[in-house]
Amino acid sequence: MAITRSAHVTWDGDLMSGGGAVSATTSGAFDGVPVSWKTRSAEGGANASPEELVAAAHASCFAMAFSAALGGRGAPPGHLEVDATVTFEQVENGWKVASSALKVVGQVEGIDADGFREAAEGAKNGCPISAMMTGNVALSVEADLA
C-alpha cells in the first residue's frame, strides 16, 4: 500500500521580486508559510525555504528511524534531540542542495557511546529521506549521548 502526502504552493511575480506560500494539504499542519527566492538565496530571512522544509523532513524521518534502530538493539530512547542542516549552494550551473548534516543528542539507557553512534549511522543510511538523497547530496550524522 502506498501512502501519499501533498503540499500546495501559490506564487505571484517573477523569481527575483515575487513570492509565494506553501501549505501542507494532506495534514493541514501548516498553512500559508511564506517562501521567496530572495530569502532562499540569502542567509537568514523570515520566510521558509524548500531547504528548511527538507531539513525538517530529514530530521523527523531520521528521528523515527533512529528510534526504531535503538529499540531493535534493546535500548529504546528516552529522549532524542535531532537537528538537520541542509546546505544550498551556488555552483557553476546554478544552485544545488549540497549536503544534509544530522546532529543527534540522546538520552538512552542500555547502550554505550560507540553503539549509539553505530545505530545513528545505520539510521542515517536507512531513513527513507536519506535514501532519497543518497548519491546526490552529501549526508553526515554526529551522535552524542547526553
Protein backbone atom coordinates (compact mmCIF):
# COMPACT_ATOMS: atom_id res chain seq x y z
CA MET A 1 0.00 0.00 0.00
CA ALA A 2 1.40 3.38 -0.99
CA ILE A 3 0.88 6.44 1.18
CA THR A 4 0.82 9.87 -0.39
CA ARG A 5 1.35 13.29 1.14
CA SER A 6 0.71 16.58 -0.59
CA ALA A 7 1.68 20.21 -0.38
CA HIS A 8 0.43 23.21 -2.32
CA VAL A 9 2.24 26.41 -3.28
CA THR A 10 0.91 29.66 -4.68
CA TRP A 11 3.37 32.06 -6.34
CA ASP A 12 2.98 35.63 -7.58
CA GLY A 13 5.51 37.60 -9.60
CA ASP A 14 8.88 36.89 -11.08
CA LEU A 15 11.69 34.96 -9.39
CA MET A 16 13.63 37.93 -8.03
CA SER A 17 10.79 40.05 -6.63
CA GLY A 18 7.96 37.54 -6.33
CA GLY A 19 6.97 35.29 -3.55
CA GLY A 20 4.61 32.58 -2.54
CA ALA A 21 3.19 30.49 0.24
CA VAL A 22 3.35 26.76 0.90
CA SER A 23 0.70 24.73 2.70
CA ALA A 24 0.53 21.12 3.88
CA THR A 25 -2.62 19.96 2.14
CA THR A 26 -2.66 16.41 3.50
CA SER A 27 -2.35 17.17 7.20
CA GLY A 28 -3.07 20.88 7.39
CA ALA A 29 -0.14 21.08 9.82
CA PHE A 30 0.99 24.35 8.27
CA ASP A 31 -0.78 26.79 6.01
CA GLY A 32 0.42 29.77 4.05
CA VAL A 33 4.08 29.64 5.08
CA PRO A 34 5.81 32.36 3.04
CA VAL A 35 8.61 31.46 0.60
CA SER A 36 10.67 33.62 -1.76
CA TRP A 37 13.82 33.40 -3.82
CA LYS A 38 15.22 36.48 -2.10
CA THR A 39 15.19 34.81 1.31
CA ARG A 40 16.02 31.36 -0.10
CA SER A 41 19.27 32.53 -1.67
CA ALA A 42 20.44 34.67 1.26
CA GLU A 43 21.35 33.94 4.87
CA GLY A 44 18.52 34.38 7.32
CA GLY A 45 15.20 35.89 6.49
CA ALA A 46 11.73 35.49 7.87
CA ASN A 47 10.45 33.22 5.10
CA ALA A 48 10.80 29.45 4.98
CA SER A 49 12.69 27.81 2.14
CA PRO A 50 12.45 24.45 0.39
CA GLU A 51 15.74 23.52 2.06
CA GLU A 52 14.35 24.28 5.52
CA LEU A 53 11.37 22.08 4.73
CA VAL A 54 13.75 19.33 3.54
CA ALA A 55 15.73 19.74 6.78
CA ALA A 56 12.52 19.31 8.78
CA ALA A 57 11.63 16.20 6.79
CA HIS A 58 15.12 14.75 7.19
CA ALA A 59 15.31 15.42 10.94
CA SER A 60 11.90 13.89 11.64
CA CYS A 61 12.48 10.87 9.37
CA PHE A 62 15.88 10.23 10.97
CA ALA A 63 14.41 10.53 14.49
CA MET A 64 11.88 7.81 13.63
CA ALA A 65 14.49 5.54 12.00
CA PHE A 66 16.91 6.07 14.89
CA SER A 67 14.25 5.37 17.49
CA ALA A 68 13.46 2.08 15.70
CA ALA A 69 17.17 1.20 15.42
CA LEU A 70 17.77 1.80 19.12
CA GLY A 71 14.67 -0.17 20.06
CA GLY A 72 15.91 -3.02 17.88
CA ARG A 73 19.10 -3.04 19.96
CA GLY A 74 17.08 -3.30 23.16
CA ALA A 75 17.80 0.33 24.08
CA PRO A 76 14.74 2.42 23.19
CA PRO A 77 15.44 6.13 23.55
CA GLY A 78 14.15 8.12 26.48
CA HIS A 79 14.61 11.36 24.56
CA LEU A 80 16.23 12.44 21.28
CA GLU A 81 17.06 15.93 20.02
CA VAL A 82 17.71 15.95 16.27
CA ASP A 83 18.88 18.84 14.10
CA ALA A 84 19.32 18.75 10.35
CA THR A 85 21.24 21.43 8.49
CA VAL A 86 20.73 21.47 4.73
CA THR A 87 23.27 23.41 2.68
CA PHE A 88 22.09 25.15 -0.50
CA GLU A 89 24.99 26.48 -2.53
CA GLN A 90 25.68 28.21 -5.79
CA VAL A 91 27.51 26.06 -8.33
CA GLU A 92 28.62 26.60 -11.92
CA ASN A 93 25.26 25.79 -13.45
CA GLY A 94 23.05 27.43 -10.82
CA TRP A 95 22.16 26.21 -7.35
CA LYS A 96 22.17 22.83 -5.64
CA VAL A 97 21.33 21.19 -2.36
CA ALA A 98 24.83 20.04 -1.47
CA SER A 99 24.51 18.40 1.93
CA SER A 100 22.34 17.47 4.85
CA ALA A 101 24.10 17.20 8.19
CA LEU A 102 22.26 15.50 11.04
CA LYS A 103 23.13 16.03 14.68
CA VAL A 104 21.51 13.97 17.42
CA VAL A 105 21.84 14.08 21.19
CA GLY A 106 20.05 11.34 23.05
CA GLN A 107 19.17 10.09 26.48
CA VAL A 108 19.30 6.33 26.07
CA GLU A 109 19.92 3.66 28.67
CA GLY A 110 21.44 0.31 27.82
CA ILE A 111 23.82 1.42 25.07
CA ASP A 112 27.35 2.84 25.07
CA ALA A 113 28.58 5.79 23.02
CA ASP A 114 30.02 3.57 20.26
CA GLY A 115 26.78 1.62 19.92
CA PHE A 116 24.83 4.89 19.88
CA ARG A 117 26.99 6.27 17.07
CA GLU A 118 26.79 2.99 15.12
CA ALA A 119 22.99 2.96 15.40
CA ALA A 120 22.88 6.61 14.30
CA GLU A 121 24.96 5.85 11.21
CA GLY A 122 22.66 2.95 10.34
CA ALA A 123 19.57 5.10 10.84
CA LYS A 124 21.08 7.83 8.64
CA ASN A 125 21.58 5.28 5.88
CA GLY A 126 18.20 3.61 6.43
CA CYS A 127 15.95 6.65 6.73
CA PRO A 128 13.75 6.98 3.60
CA ILE A 129 14.53 10.70 3.23
CA SER A 130 18.27 9.89 3.35
CA ALA A 131 17.70 7.17 0.76
CA MET A 132 16.05 9.74 -1.50
CA MET A 133 19.14 11.96 -1.24
CA THR A 134 21.84 9.26 -1.43
CA GLY A 135 24.12 9.70 -4.41
CA ASN A 136 23.05 13.30 -4.90
CA VAL A 137 23.61 15.00 -1.54
CA ALA A 138 26.42 14.53 1.00
CA LEU A 139 24.96 13.05 4.18
CA SER A 140 26.52 13.03 7.63
CA VAL A 141 25.49 12.36 11.23
CA GLU A 142 27.04 13.42 14.52
CA ALA A 143 25.70 11.47 17.50
CA ASP A 144 26.28 12.07 21.21
CA LEU A 145 24.78 10.52 24.32
CA ALA A 146 23.61 13.13 26.83
